[in-house]
């Protein structure tokens, strides 16, 4: 494996972590799942299947995505909407726990500004 050289990245205590994260996100043959639909946007998706735009239905939709069998074979990272960080799955665990368990990189999107969420 070739060595990544990032000359413009200053020596910082998170430098190695940032480089490792970038390698994971850019894994060959994998993509990034954009699950950061706002409440309004996800409401459009739900209305297409005649489902009401409620927090429970949004949670169930995201739970379905995050628990898809073999997700980590195809997805290296997920961009999350802030609401998702506080939701619980039916089993009482954090909704994003399956992503953690699968080693999938998680990123929080907040009102169009991307702020890395360390959790």
C-alpha atoms as a PDB file:
ATOM      1  CA  UNK A   1       0.000   0.000   0.000  1.00  0.00           C
ATOM      2  CA  UNK A   2       1.337   3.401  -0.898  1.00  0.00           C
ATOM      3  CA  UNK A   3       2.030   6.014   1.719  1.00  0.00           C
ATOM      4  CA  UNK A   4      -0.130   9.134   1.739  1.00  0.00           C
ATOM      5  CA  UNK A   5       1.805  12.378   1.951  1.00  0.00           C
ATOM      6  CA  UNK A   6      -0.133  15.465   2.910  1.00  0.00           C
ATOM      7  CA  UNK A   7       2.395  18.304   2.970  1.00  0.00           C
ATOM      8  CA  UNK A   8      -0.161  21.048   3.601  1.00  0.00           C
ATOM      9  CA  UNK A   9      -1.649  19.368   6.670  1.00  0.00           C
ATOM     10  CA  UNK A  10       0.099  20.846   9.699  1.00  0.00           C
ATOM     11  CA  UNK A  11       1.459  18.681  12.465  1.00  0.00           C
ATOM     12  CA  UNK A  12      -1.560  18.448  14.672  1.00  0.00           C
ATOM     13  CA  UNK A  13      -2.626  15.993  17.320  1.00  0.00           C
ATOM     14  CA  UNK A  14      -5.481  14.761  15.070  1.00  0.00           C
ATOM     15  CA  UNK A  15      -3.383  14.544  11.877  1.00  0.00           C
ATOM     16  CA  UNK A  16      -2.979  10.744  11.938  1.00  0.00           C
ATOM     17  CA  UNK A  17      -6.661  10.255  12.770  1.00  0.00           C
ATOM     18  CA  UNK A  18      -7.705  12.553   9.904  1.00  0.00           C
ATOM     19  CA  UNK A  19      -5.510  10.714   7.407  1.00  0.00           C
ATOM     20  CA  UNK A  20      -6.798   7.325   8.590  1.00  0.00           C
ATOM     21  CA  UNK A  21     -10.399   8.541   8.337  1.00  0.00           C
ATOM     22  CA  UNK A  22      -9.805   9.777   4.787  1.00  0.00           C
ATOM     23  CA  UNK A  23      -8.397   6.372   3.808  1.00  0.00           C
ATOM     24  CA  UNK A  24     -11.483   4.620   5.225  1.00  0.00           C
ATOM     25  CA  UNK A  25     -13.909   6.952   3.453  1.00  0.00           C
ATOM     26  CA  UNK A  26     -12.107   6.578   0.123  1.00  0.00           C
ATOM     27  CA  UNK A  27     -12.014   2.772   0.267  1.00  0.00           C
ATOM     28  CA  UNK A  28     -12.005   1.293  -3.249  1.00  0.00           C
ATOM     29  CA  UNK A  29     -15.379   0.013  -4.422  1.00  0.00           C
ATOM     30  CA  UNK A  30     -17.341   1.697  -1.655  1.00  0.00           C
ATOM     31  CA  UNK A  31     -19.491   4.810  -1.514  1.00  0.00           C
ATOM     32  CA  UNK A  32     -20.933   7.295   0.932  1.00  0.00           C
ATOM     33  CA  UNK A  33     -24.588   7.122   1.980  1.00  0.00           C
ATOM     34  CA  UNK A  34     -26.149  10.583   2.262  1.00  0.00           C
ATOM     35  CA  UNK A  35     -28.730  10.041   5.010  1.00  0.00           C
ATOM     36  CA  UNK A  36     -28.845  13.697   5.986  1.00  0.00           C
ATOM     37  CA  UNK A  37     -32.222  14.546   4.513  1.00  0.00           C
ATOM     38  CA  UNK A  38     -33.872  17.390   6.366  1.00  0.00           C
ATOM     39  CA  UNK A  39     -37.274  16.868   7.926  1.00  0.00           C
ATOM     40  CA  UNK A  40     -38.912  18.389   4.842  1.00  0.00           C
ATOM     41  CA  UNK A  41     -36.929  16.379   2.302  1.00  0.00           C
ATOM     42  CA  UNK A  42     -37.471  13.059   4.026  1.00  0.00           C
ATOM     43  CA  UNK A  43     -41.153  14.013   4.263  1.00  0.00           C
ATOM     44  CA  UNK A  44     -41.310  14.018   0.462  1.00  0.00           C
ATOM     45  CA  UNK A  45     -39.836  10.494   0.378  1.00  0.00           C
ATOM     46  CA  UNK A  46     -42.317   9.303   2.984  1.00  0.00           C
ATOM     47  CA  UNK A  47     -45.286  10.886   1.195  1.00  0.00           C
ATOM     48  CA  UNK A  48     -44.375   8.932  -1.953  1.00  0.00           C
ATOM     49  CA  UNK A  49     -45.148   5.725  -0.038  1.00  0.00           C
ATOM     50  CA  UNK A  50     -48.206   7.262   1.671  1.00  0.00           C
ATOM     51  CA  UNK A  51     -46.478   7.482   5.065  1.00  0.00           C
ATOM     52  CA  UNK A  52     -46.919  10.442   7.388  1.00  0.00           C
ATOM     53  CA  UNK A  53     -43.866  12.599   8.130  1.00  0.00           C
ATOM     54  CA  UNK A  54     -43.505  11.803  11.822  1.00  0.00           C
ATOM     55  CA  UNK A  55     -40.346  11.401  13.848  1.00  0.00           C
ATOM     56  CA  UNK A  56     -41.186   7.705  14.316  1.00  0.00           C
ATOM     57  CA  UNK A  57     -41.508   7.128  10.558  1.00  0.00           C
ATOM     58  CA  UNK A  58     -38.261   9.013   9.881  1.00  0.00           C
ATOM     59  CA  UNK A  59     -36.543   6.901  12.537  1.00  0.00           C
ATOM     60  CA  UNK A  60     -37.952   3.676  11.063  1.00  0.00           C
ATOM     61  CA  UNK A  61     -36.761   4.670   7.564  1.00  0.00           C
ATOM     62  CA  UNK A  62     -33.228   5.373   8.780  1.00  0.00           C
ATOM     63  CA  UNK A  63     -33.237   2.212  10.901  1.00  0.00           C
ATOM     64  CA  UNK A  64     -34.033   0.237   7.748  1.00  0.00           C
ATOM     65  CA  UNK A  65     -31.110   1.847   5.914  1.00  0.00           C
ATOM     66  CA  UNK A  66     -28.588   1.374   8.719  1.00  0.00           C
ATOM     67  CA  UNK A  67     -29.484  -2.285   9.241  1.00  0.00           C
ATOM     68  CA  UNK A  68     -29.373  -3.357   5.614  1.00  0.00           C
ATOM     69  CA  UNK A  69     -27.547  -6.710   5.444  1.00  0.00           C
ATOM     70  CA  UNK A  70     -23.958  -6.325   4.261  1.00  0.00           C
ATOM     71  CA  UNK A  71     -24.103  -2.510   4.259  1.00  0.00           C
ATOM     72  CA  UNK A  72     -20.405  -2.244   5.131  1.00  0.00           C
ATOM     73  CA  UNK A  73     -19.508  -4.192   1.969  1.00  0.00           C
ATOM     74  CA  UNK A  74     -20.724  -1.245  -0.120  1.00  0.00           C
ATOM     75  CA  UNK A  75     -20.721   1.829   2.140  1.00  0.00           C
ATOM     76  CA  UNK A  76     -17.638   3.366   3.750  1.00  0.00           C
ATOM     77  CA  UNK A  77     -19.330   6.370   5.335  1.00  0.00           C
ATOM     78  CA  UNK A  78     -22.682   7.919   6.164  1.00  0.00           C
ATOM     79  CA  UNK A  79     -23.614  11.596   6.349  1.00  0.00           C
ATOM     80  CA  UNK A  80     -26.179  12.009   9.122  1.00  0.00           C
ATOM     81  CA  UNK A  81     -28.889  14.535   9.909  1.00  0.00           C
ATOM     82  CA  UNK A  82     -28.631  15.852  13.475  1.00  0.00           C
ATOM     83  CA  UNK A  83     -31.978  14.334  14.524  1.00  0.00           C
ATOM     84  CA  UNK A  84     -30.532  10.867  13.857  1.00  0.00           C
ATOM     85  CA  UNK A  85     -27.873  11.255  16.543  1.00  0.00           C
ATOM     86  CA  UNK A  86     -30.495  11.253  19.290  1.00  0.00           C
ATOM     87  CA  UNK A  87     -32.817   8.543  17.963  1.00  0.00           C
ATOM     88  CA  UNK A  88     -33.010   5.051  19.423  1.00  0.00           C
ATOM     89  CA  UNK A  89     -33.663   1.813  17.555  1.00  0.00           C
ATOM     90  CA  UNK A  90     -36.425  -0.591  18.546  1.00  0.00           C
ATOM     91  CA  UNK A  91     -33.898  -2.496  20.676  1.00  0.00           C
ATOM     92  CA  UNK A  92     -33.191   0.645  22.736  1.00  0.00           C
ATOM     93  CA  UNK A  93     -29.671   1.173  21.361  1.00  0.00           C
ATOM     94  CA  UNK A  94     -28.560   4.288  19.513  1.00  0.00           C
ATOM     95  CA  UNK A  95     -29.906   4.296  15.971  1.00  0.00           C
ATOM     96  CA  UNK A  96     -26.362   4.702  14.631  1.00  0.00           C
ATOM     97  CA  UNK A  97     -25.009   1.709  16.603  1.00  0.00           C
ATOM     98  CA  UNK A  98     -25.136  -0.638  13.578  1.00  0.00           C
ATOM     99  CA  UNK A  99     -22.888   1.830  11.721  1.00  0.00           C
ATOM    100  CA  UNK A 100     -20.421   1.844  14.617  1.00  0.00           C
ATOM    101  CA  UNK A 101     -20.501  -1.949  14.820  1.00  0.00           C
ATOM    102  CA  UNK A 102     -19.824  -2.240  11.080  1.00  0.00           C
ATOM    103  CA  UNK A 103     -16.919   0.223  11.244  1.00  0.00           C
ATOM    104  CA  UNK A 104     -18.700   2.695   8.970  1.00  0.00           C
ATOM    105  CA  UNK A 105     -17.495   6.281   9.250  1.00  0.00           C
ATOM    106  CA  UNK A 106     -20.200   8.691  10.466  1.00  0.00           C
ATOM    107  CA  UNK A 107     -20.403  12.391   9.694  1.00  0.00           C
ATOM    108  CA  UNK A 108     -22.977  14.875  10.949  1.00  0.00           C
ATOM    109  CA  UNK A 109     -24.369  17.493   8.607  1.00  0.00           C
ATOM    110  CA  UNK A 110     -25.813  20.551  10.275  1.00  0.00           C
ATOM    111  CA  UNK A 111     -27.842  23.120   8.351  1.00  0.00           C
ATOM    112  CA  UNK A 112     -25.605  22.841   5.298  1.00  0.00           C
ATOM    113  CA  UNK A 113     -22.424  23.328   7.318  1.00  0.00           C
ATOM    114  CA  UNK A 114     -20.537  20.123   7.803  1.00  0.00           C
ATOM    115  CA  UNK A 115     -19.284  19.759  11.341  1.00  0.00           C
ATOM    116  CA  UNK A 116     -17.477  16.551  12.220  1.00  0.00           C
ATOM    117  CA  UNK A 117     -19.263  14.730  14.994  1.00  0.00           C
ATOM    118  CA  UNK A 118     -16.981  12.648  17.218  1.00  0.00           C
ATOM    119  CA  UNK A 119     -19.158  10.037  18.896  1.00  0.00           C
END
